[in-house]
């Protein structure tokens, strides 16, 4: 019925992974995903372009000081940011690049509205926590590079490296989609039988509309 060029969306339940501290505030979508790479096909992946101008110099060599180039954080699954993460233009490729890199959760004090929604559509969980708490989490990670954190979506909890738990909010519909691993097409296919029934009934009721198409 429907076909998608998107990678299959992985369900998000409980994530345990390396957390990386991202100390810069006001990181917009052009910093996350530079515009010059946006026209590439989705199927080729966007992981190499994530934070491209922060991760690499003009010659294409890694910048050693950048957090995701450091050995402890190369396989990070969780990003702990500051405030206003993902503001700016409404490019879905910004969320794609994070997801393709392996990041499954971004924690920040607040997010750009469109980036927030785009993230949910690719299985990337944006978690909004108090700015002081975000700072405290980053300090814990800096003190123990490579430390693991846990994100419990069913219970809506962030479990910090020191073992403390912090609740977060998420819309029930978006939570359901993440738990089930449903992107837009996947959610639509859940209703395929009802859609087919409607189409058949509609054709029978208004058959005269389709006479020229026979």
C-alpha atoms as a PDB file:
ATOM      1  CA  UNK A   1       0.000   0.000   0.000  1.00  0.00           C
ATOM      2  CA  UNK A   2       2.724   2.416   1.025  1.00  0.00           C
ATOM      3  CA  UNK A   3       6.460   2.390   0.368  1.00  0.00           C
ATOM      4  CA  UNK A   4       9.114   4.297   2.269  1.00  0.00           C
ATOM      5  CA  UNK A   5      12.735   5.209   1.593  1.00  0.00           C
ATOM      6  CA  UNK A   6      13.242   5.710   5.332  1.00  0.00           C
ATOM      7  CA  UNK A   7      15.250   3.189   7.372  1.00  0.00           C
ATOM      8  CA  UNK A   8      13.054   0.995   9.547  1.00  0.00           C
ATOM      9  CA  UNK A   9      12.402   2.742  12.846  1.00  0.00           C
ATOM     10  CA  UNK A  10      13.707   0.864  15.886  1.00  0.00           C
ATOM     11  CA  UNK A  11      11.404   0.748  18.918  1.00  0.00           C
ATOM     12  CA  UNK A  12      12.586   2.802  21.869  1.00  0.00           C
ATOM     13  CA  UNK A  13      12.002   1.244  25.280  1.00  0.00           C
ATOM     14  CA  UNK A  14      14.946   1.340  27.689  1.00  0.00           C
ATOM     15  CA  UNK A  15      18.226   2.730  26.393  1.00  0.00           C
ATOM     16  CA  UNK A  16      21.487   2.160  28.232  1.00  0.00           C
ATOM     17  CA  UNK A  17      24.423   3.802  26.530  1.00  0.00           C
ATOM     18  CA  UNK A  18      27.407   6.113  26.672  1.00  0.00           C
ATOM     19  CA  UNK A  19      26.473   9.722  27.286  1.00  0.00           C
ATOM     20  CA  UNK A  20      28.420  12.599  25.760  1.00  0.00           C
ATOM     21  CA  UNK A  21      28.432  16.150  27.174  1.00  0.00           C
ATOM     22  CA  UNK A  22      27.686  18.871  24.615  1.00  0.00           C
ATOM     23  CA  UNK A  23      28.374  22.111  26.435  1.00  0.00           C
ATOM     24  CA  UNK A  24      27.515  24.637  23.726  1.00  0.00           C
ATOM     25  CA  UNK A  25      24.191  26.507  23.989  1.00  0.00           C
ATOM     26  CA  UNK A  26      22.123  27.666  20.998  1.00  0.00           C
ATOM     27  CA  UNK A  27      23.123  24.873  18.617  1.00  0.00           C
ATOM     28  CA  UNK A  28      21.010  25.394  15.512  1.00  0.00           C
ATOM     29  CA  UNK A  29      20.129  22.920  12.784  1.00  0.00           C
ATOM     30  CA  UNK A  30      22.746  24.308  10.401  1.00  0.00           C
ATOM     31  CA  UNK A  31      25.437  23.472  12.936  1.00  0.00           C
ATOM     32  CA  UNK A  32      23.961  20.015  13.407  1.00  0.00           C
ATOM     33  CA  UNK A  33      23.592  19.420   9.671  1.00  0.00           C
ATOM     34  CA  UNK A  34      25.225  21.957   7.295  1.00  0.00           C
ATOM     35  CA  UNK A  35      22.954  22.958   4.416  1.00  0.00           C
ATOM     36  CA  UNK A  36      25.422  21.969   1.675  1.00  0.00           C
ATOM     37  CA  UNK A  37      24.846  18.255   2.409  1.00  0.00           C
ATOM     38  CA  UNK A  38      21.063  18.315   2.497  1.00  0.00           C
ATOM     39  CA  UNK A  39      20.413  17.191  -1.073  1.00  0.00           C
ATOM     40  CA  UNK A  40      21.951  13.752  -0.656  1.00  0.00           C
ATOM     41  CA  UNK A  41      19.575  10.743  -0.830  1.00  0.00           C
ATOM     42  CA  UNK A  42      18.257   9.619   2.550  1.00  0.00           C
ATOM     43  CA  UNK A  43      19.284   5.996   1.972  1.00  0.00           C
ATOM     44  CA  UNK A  44      22.983   6.904   1.900  1.00  0.00           C
ATOM     45  CA  UNK A  45      22.944   8.005   5.534  1.00  0.00           C
ATOM     46  CA  UNK A  46      23.869  11.337   7.071  1.00  0.00           C
ATOM     47  CA  UNK A  47      26.141  10.272   9.948  1.00  0.00           C
ATOM     48  CA  UNK A  48      29.286  11.668   8.315  1.00  0.00           C
ATOM     49  CA  UNK A  49      27.749  15.144   8.150  1.00  0.00           C
ATOM     50  CA  UNK A  50      26.669  15.414  11.779  1.00  0.00           C
ATOM     51  CA  UNK A  51      28.298  18.540  13.259  1.00  0.00           C
ATOM     52  CA  UNK A  52      30.495  18.484  10.147  1.00  0.00           C
ATOM     53  CA  UNK A  53      32.059  21.918  10.624  1.00  0.00           C
ATOM     54  CA  UNK A  54      32.687  21.231  14.302  1.00  0.00           C
ATOM     55  CA  UNK A  55      34.028  17.688  13.873  1.00  0.00           C
ATOM     56  CA  UNK A  56      36.335  18.279  10.890  1.00  0.00           C
ATOM     57  CA  UNK A  57      38.654  20.996   9.667  1.00  0.00           C
ATOM     58  CA  UNK A  58      38.747  22.371   6.110  1.00  0.00           C
ATOM     59  CA  UNK A  59      40.994  19.501   5.027  1.00  0.00           C
ATOM     60  CA  UNK A  60      38.536  16.919   6.310  1.00  0.00           C
ATOM     61  CA  UNK A  61      40.633  15.908   9.305  1.00  0.00           C
ATOM     62  CA  UNK A  62      39.062  15.361  12.705  1.00  0.00           C
ATOM     63  CA  UNK A  63      39.304  18.166  15.233  1.00  0.00           C
ATOM     64  CA  UNK A  64      40.630  16.351  18.320  1.00  0.00           C
ATOM     65  CA  UNK A  65      38.969  18.597  20.889  1.00  0.00           C
ATOM     66  CA  UNK A  66      35.455  18.019  19.566  1.00  0.00           C
ATOM     67  CA  UNK A  67      33.566  15.794  21.986  1.00  0.00           C
ATOM     68  CA  UNK A  68      32.421  13.092  19.543  1.00  0.00           C
ATOM     69  CA  UNK A  69      35.979  12.727  18.223  1.00  0.00           C
ATOM     70  CA  UNK A  70      37.268  11.805  21.673  1.00  0.00           C
ATOM     71  CA  UNK A  71      37.768   8.091  22.339  1.00  0.00           C
ATOM     72  CA  UNK A  72      35.381   8.004  25.296  1.00  0.00           C
ATOM     73  CA  UNK A  73      32.459   9.374  23.279  1.00  0.00           C
ATOM     74  CA  UNK A  74      32.829   7.959  19.773  1.00  0.00           C
ATOM     75  CA  UNK A  75      30.057   5.447  20.430  1.00  0.00           C
ATOM     76  CA  UNK A  76      27.781   7.771  22.368  1.00  0.00           C
ATOM     77  CA  UNK A  77      24.059   7.002  22.250  1.00  0.00           C
ATOM     78  CA  UNK A  78      22.946   9.896  24.458  1.00  0.00           C
ATOM     79  CA  UNK A  79      23.811  13.571  24.044  1.00  0.00           C
ATOM     80  CA  UNK A  80      23.490  15.944  27.010  1.00  0.00           C
ATOM     81  CA  UNK A  81      23.156  19.456  25.617  1.00  0.00           C
ATOM     82  CA  UNK A  82      22.515  22.909  27.056  1.00  0.00           C
ATOM     83  CA  UNK A  83      19.683  25.251  26.028  1.00  0.00           C
ATOM     84  CA  UNK A  84      18.013  25.916  22.669  1.00  0.00           C
ATOM     85  CA  UNK A  85      19.165  22.776  20.883  1.00  0.00           C
ATOM     86  CA  UNK A  86      17.956  22.400  17.296  1.00  0.00           C
ATOM     87  CA  UNK A  87      16.661  25.899  16.719  1.00  0.00           C
ATOM     88  CA  UNK A  88      16.837  27.557  13.310  1.00  0.00           C
ATOM     89  CA  UNK A  89      15.648  26.179   9.980  1.00  0.00           C
ATOM     90  CA  UNK A  90      13.215  23.278   9.794  1.00  0.00           C
ATOM     91  CA  UNK A  91      15.457  20.647   8.178  1.00  0.00           C
ATOM     92  CA  UNK A  92      14.620  17.059   9.017  1.00  0.00           C
ATOM     93  CA  UNK A  93      18.149  16.080   7.985  1.00  0.00           C
ATOM     94  CA  UNK A  94      19.398  17.416  11.332  1.00  0.00           C
ATOM     95  CA  UNK A  95      17.469  14.698  13.146  1.00  0.00           C
ATOM     96  CA  UNK A  96      18.527  12.145  10.520  1.00  0.00           C
ATOM     97  CA  UNK A  97      22.218  12.887  11.049  1.00  0.00           C
ATOM     98  CA  UNK A  98      21.990  12.347  14.808  1.00  0.00           C
ATOM     99  CA  UNK A  99      20.011   9.150  14.383  1.00  0.00           C
ATOM    100  CA  UNK A 100      22.316   7.795  11.665  1.00  0.00           C
ATOM    101  CA  UNK A 101      25.341   8.488  13.871  1.00  0.00           C
ATOM    102  CA  UNK A 102      23.803   6.353  16.605  1.00  0.00           C
ATOM    103  CA  UNK A 103      22.434   9.010  18.942  1.00  0.00           C
ATOM    104  CA  UNK A 104      19.021   7.888  20.219  1.00  0.00           C
ATOM    105  CA  UNK A 105      18.369  10.488  22.892  1.00  0.00           C
ATOM    106  CA  UNK A 106      19.192  14.179  23.239  1.00  0.00           C
ATOM    107  CA  UNK A 107      18.674  15.847  26.603  1.00  0.00           C
ATOM    108  CA  UNK A 108      18.480  19.642  26.711  1.00  0.00           C
ATOM    109  CA  UNK A 109      16.826  22.496  28.553  1.00  0.00           C
ATOM    110  CA  UNK A 110      14.707  23.233  25.486  1.00  0.00           C
ATOM    111  CA  UNK A 111      14.511  22.450  21.777  1.00  0.00           C
ATOM    112  CA  UNK A 112      13.526  24.043  18.517  1.00  0.00           C
ATOM    113  CA  UNK A 113       9.883  23.056  18.018  1.00  0.00           C
ATOM    114  CA  UNK A 114      10.268  21.603  14.518  1.00  0.00           C
ATOM    115  CA  UNK A 115      13.489  19.793  15.401  1.00  0.00           C
ATOM    116  CA  UNK A 116      11.692  18.230  18.370  1.00  0.00           C
ATOM    117  CA  UNK A 117       8.942  16.847  16.128  1.00  0.00           C
ATOM    118  CA  UNK A 118      11.357  15.718  13.415  1.00  0.00           C
ATOM    119  CA  UNK A 119      13.353  13.805  16.033  1.00  0.00           C
ATOM    120  CA  UNK A 120      10.327  11.855  17.214  1.00  0.00           C
ATOM    121  CA  UNK A 121       9.554  10.842  13.623  1.00  0.00           C
ATOM    122  CA  UNK A 122      12.903   9.020  13.272  1.00  0.00           C
ATOM    123  CA  UNK A 123      12.935   7.373  16.700  1.00  0.00           C
ATOM    124  CA  UNK A 124      15.190   9.954  18.342  1.00  0.00           C
ATOM    125  CA  UNK A 125      13.919  10.842  21.833  1.00  0.00           C
ATOM    126  CA  UNK A 126      14.276  14.536  22.805  1.00  0.00           C
ATOM    127  CA  UNK A 127      14.122  14.918  26.596  1.00  0.00           C
ATOM    128  CA  UNK A 128      13.609  18.325  28.163  1.00  0.00           C
ATOM    129  CA  UNK A 129      15.022  18.781  31.663  1.00  0.00           C
ATOM    130  CA  UNK A 130      15.746  21.795  33.833  1.00  0.00           C
ATOM    131  CA  UNK A 131      18.845  23.690  32.690  1.00  0.00           C
ATOM    132  CA  UNK A 132      20.566  23.267  36.069  1.00  0.00           C
ATOM    133  CA  UNK A 133      19.999  19.532  35.878  1.00  0.00           C
ATOM    134  CA  UNK A 134      21.417  19.388  32.338  1.00  0.00           C
ATOM    135  CA  UNK A 135      24.518  21.170  33.638  1.00  0.00           C
ATOM    136  CA  UNK A 136      24.812  18.766  36.575  1.00  0.00           C
ATOM    137  CA  UNK A 137      24.537  15.748  34.261  1.00  0.00           C
ATOM    138  CA  UNK A 138      27.280  17.085  32.011  1.00  0.00           C
ATOM    139  CA  UNK A 139      29.541  17.631  35.031  1.00  0.00           C
ATOM    140  CA  UNK A 140      29.045  14.006  36.060  1.00  0.00           C
ATOM    141  CA  UNK A 141      29.944  12.828  32.566  1.00  0.00           C
ATOM    142  CA  UNK A 142      33.015  15.076  32.358  1.00  0.00           C
ATOM    143  CA  UNK A 143      34.175  13.567  35.655  1.00  0.00           C
ATOM    144  CA  UNK A 144      33.760  10.025  34.315  1.00  0.00           C
ATOM    145  CA  UNK A 145      34.273   9.986  30.517  1.00  0.00           C
ATOM    146  CA  UNK A 146      32.551   7.061  28.859  1.00  0.00           C
ATOM    147  CA  UNK A 147      30.081   6.555  31.707  1.00  0.00           C
ATOM    148  CA  UNK A 148      26.750   4.911  30.940  1.00  0.00           C
ATOM    149  CA  UNK A 149      23.325   6.444  31.443  1.00  0.00           C
ATOM    150  CA  UNK A 150      19.887   4.904  31.179  1.00  0.00           C
ATOM    151  CA  UNK A 151      16.747   6.328  29.596  1.00  0.00           C
ATOM    152  CA  UNK A 152      13.562   4.521  30.611  1.00  0.00           C
ATOM    153  CA  UNK A 153      10.801   5.600  28.257  1.00  0.00           C
ATOM    154  CA  UNK A 154       8.010   3.419  29.723  1.00  0.00           C
ATOM    155  CA  UNK A 155       8.603   4.999  33.155  1.00  0.00           C
ATOM    156  CA  UNK A 156       9.655   8.365  31.639  1.00  0.00           C
ATOM    157  CA  UNK A 157      12.847   8.503  33.690  1.00  0.00           C
ATOM    158  CA  UNK A 158      16.442   9.556  33.097  1.00  0.00           C
ATOM    159  CA  UNK A 159      18.802   7.627  35.370  1.00  0.00           C
ATOM    160  CA  UNK A 160      21.947   9.696  35.894  1.00  0.00           C
ATOM    161  CA  UNK A 161      25.466   8.296  36.333  1.00  0.00           C
ATOM    162  CA  UNK A 162      25.176   8.866  40.098  1.00  0.00           C
ATOM    163  CA  UNK A 163      22.036   6.698  40.219  1.00  0.00           C
ATOM    164  CA  UNK A 164      19.513   9.482  40.722  1.00  0.00           C
ATOM    165  CA  UNK A 165      16.303   9.373  38.659  1.00  0.00           C
ATOM    166  CA  UNK A 166      14.711  12.339  36.929  1.00  0.00           C
ATOM    167  CA  UNK A 167      11.236  12.338  35.414  1.00  0.00           C
ATOM    168  CA  UNK A 168      10.482  13.851  32.023  1.00  0.00           C
ATOM    169  CA  UNK A 169       7.317  14.566  30.078  1.00  0.00           C
ATOM    170  CA  UNK A 170       6.267  13.303  26.686  1.00  0.00           C
ATOM    171  CA  UNK A 171       2.976  13.388  24.822  1.00  0.00           C
ATOM    172  CA  UNK A 172       1.208   9.985  25.120  1.00  0.00           C
ATOM    173  CA  UNK A 173       0.770   9.645  21.355  1.00  0.00           C
ATOM    174  CA  UNK A 174       4.466  10.258  20.643  1.00  0.00           C
ATOM    175  CA  UNK A 175       5.426   7.927  23.480  1.00  0.00           C
ATOM    176  CA  UNK A 176       3.278   5.179  21.955  1.00  0.00           C
ATOM    177  CA  UNK A 177       4.849   5.630  18.530  1.00  0.00           C
ATOM    178  CA  UNK A 178       8.375   5.463  19.947  1.00  0.00           C
ATOM    179  CA  UNK A 179       7.619   2.376  22.027  1.00  0.00           C
ATOM    180  CA  UNK A 180       6.151   0.638  18.981  1.00  0.00           C
ATOM    181  CA  UNK A 181       8.796   1.897  16.537  1.00  0.00           C
ATOM    182  CA  UNK A 182       6.202   3.553  14.296  1.00  0.00           C
ATOM    183  CA  UNK A 183       7.134   6.298  11.871  1.00  0.00           C
ATOM    184  CA  UNK A 184       4.422   8.112   9.895  1.00  0.00           C
ATOM    185  CA  UNK A 185       4.049   5.311   7.361  1.00  0.00           C
ATOM    186  CA  UNK A 186       4.252   2.606  10.004  1.00  0.00           C
ATOM    187  CA  UNK A 187       1.488   4.253  11.997  1.00  0.00           C
ATOM    188  CA  UNK A 188      -0.654   4.564   8.854  1.00  0.00           C
ATOM    189  CA  UNK A 189      -0.142   0.872   8.042  1.00  0.00           C
ATOM    190  CA  UNK A 190      -1.593  -0.028  11.435  1.00  0.00           C
ATOM    191  CA  UNK A 191      -4.884   1.157   9.945  1.00  0.00           C
ATOM    192  CA  UNK A 192      -4.441  -0.476   6.533  1.00  0.00           C
ATOM    193  CA  UNK A 193      -7.495  -2.728   6.878  1.00  0.00           C
ATOM    194  CA  UNK A 194      -9.746   0.200   7.812  1.00  0.00           C
ATOM    195  CA  UNK A 195      -8.355   2.291   4.950  1.00  0.00           C
ATOM    196  CA  UNK A 196      -8.941  -0.528   2.451  1.00  0.00           C
ATOM    197  CA  UNK A 197     -12.492  -0.980   3.693  1.00  0.00           C
ATOM    198  CA  UNK A 198     -13.166   2.724   3.325  1.00  0.00           C
ATOM    199  CA  UNK A 199     -11.711   2.777  -0.195  1.00  0.00           C
ATOM    200  CA  UNK A 200     -13.875  -0.161  -1.263  1.00  0.00           C
ATOM    201  CA  UNK A 201     -17.029   1.337   0.265  1.00  0.00           C
ATOM    202  CA  UNK A 202     -16.277   4.704  -1.318  1.00  0.00           C
ATOM    203  CA  UNK A 203     -15.828   3.147  -4.757  1.00  0.00           C
ATOM    204  CA  UNK A 204     -19.102   1.269  -4.423  1.00  0.00           C
ATOM    205  CA  UNK A 205     -21.014   4.297  -3.183  1.00  0.00           C
ATOM    206  CA  UNK A 206     -19.615   6.700  -5.768  1.00  0.00           C
ATOM    207  CA  UNK A 207     -18.929   4.299  -8.622  1.00  0.00           C
ATOM    208  CA  UNK A 208     -19.810   6.955 -11.169  1.00  0.00           C
ATOM    209  CA  UNK A 209     -16.665   8.868 -10.184  1.00  0.00           C
ATOM    210  CA  UNK A 210     -14.501   6.009 -11.430  1.00  0.00           C
ATOM    211  CA  UNK A 211     -16.257   5.190 -14.679  1.00  0.00           C
ATOM    212  CA  UNK A 212     -13.778   7.147 -16.832  1.00  0.00           C
ATOM    213  CA  UNK A 213     -10.874   5.365 -15.184  1.00  0.00           C
ATOM    214  CA  UNK A 214     -12.014   1.898 -16.314  1.00  0.00           C
END
